[in-house]
Amino acid sequence: MPAASRTLATAVFITDPKTHETLLLPPGAEVSDPAIADQITHPEAWAPEPPRPSRRIKAEAP
């Protein structure tokens, strides 16, 4: 199963895990790489996740 993508609410600096360069990720960037997401530890850096749909099953009317 592919990693879930999350969206940044603010700009953050991270270190690219492959090149070791410092990168600036802008607000609105989608992050799906766990090696990058693990570097972003401040909870307010992330945009709020949309609410999950309810799993309630509607009863059918008789």
Protein backbone atom coordinates (compact mmCIF):
# COMPACT_ATOMS: atom_id res chain seq x y z
CA MET A 1 0.00 0.00 0.00
CA PRO A 2 1.49 3.39 -0.97
CA ALA A 3 2.19 5.93 1.75
CA ALA A 4 -0.55 8.47 2.39
CA SER A 5 0.23 11.96 1.17
CA ARG A 6 0.01 14.91 3.57
CA THR A 7 -0.03 18.62 2.75
CA LEU A 8 2.13 21.29 4.37
CA ALA A 9 0.50 24.33 5.95
CA THR A 10 3.79 26.24 6.27
CA ALA A 11 7.17 26.28 4.57
CA VAL A 12 9.74 23.90 6.06
CA PHE A 13 13.39 23.13 5.50
CA ILE A 14 14.35 19.46 5.25
CA THR A 15 17.47 17.51 4.31
CA ASP A 16 17.05 15.46 1.16
CA PRO A 17 17.67 11.86 2.28
CA LYS A 18 19.46 10.97 -0.98
CA THR A 19 21.56 14.05 -1.76
CA HIS A 20 21.87 15.47 1.78
CA GLU A 21 21.05 18.93 0.40
CA THR A 22 18.88 21.33 2.36
CA LEU A 23 15.57 21.87 0.59
CA LEU A 24 12.75 24.34 1.18
CA LEU A 25 9.28 22.83 0.84
CA PRO A 26 6.62 25.54 0.31
CA PRO A 27 3.15 25.66 1.89
CA GLY A 28 0.78 23.44 -0.06
CA ALA A 29 3.48 20.91 -0.99
CA GLU A 30 2.30 17.32 -0.78
CA VAL A 31 4.67 14.99 1.06
CA SER A 32 4.35 11.25 0.50
CA ASP A 33 7.95 10.12 1.16
CA PRO A 34 8.14 8.80 4.76
CA ALA A 35 11.85 9.73 4.98
CA ILE A 36 10.91 13.36 4.38
CA ALA A 37 7.71 13.35 6.46
CA ASP A 38 9.62 11.99 9.46
CA GLN A 39 11.79 15.13 9.44
CA ILE A 40 8.76 17.40 9.83
CA THR A 41 8.03 17.07 13.52
CA HIS A 42 6.13 20.27 14.32
CA PRO A 43 2.40 19.41 14.20
CA GLU A 44 1.42 22.91 13.01
CA ALA A 45 3.56 22.48 9.88
CA TRP A 46 0.91 20.12 8.52
CA ALA A 47 -2.43 21.23 7.09
CA PRO A 48 -5.43 19.73 8.89
CA GLU A 49 -6.44 16.40 7.44
CA PRO A 50 -9.91 16.34 5.88
CA PRO A 51 -12.54 14.50 7.92
CA ARG A 52 -12.91 10.85 7.11
CA PRO A 53 -16.25 9.77 5.65
CA SER A 54 -18.57 8.09 8.10
CA ARG A 55 -18.78 4.32 7.88
CA ARG A 56 -22.34 4.25 9.12
CA ILE A 57 -24.68 2.14 7.08
CA LYS A 58 -28.06 3.73 6.51
CA ALA A 59 -30.96 1.48 7.31
CA GLU A 60 -33.35 1.09 4.45
CA ALA A 61 -36.90 2.26 5.04
CA PRO A 62 -39.51 -0.53 5.00
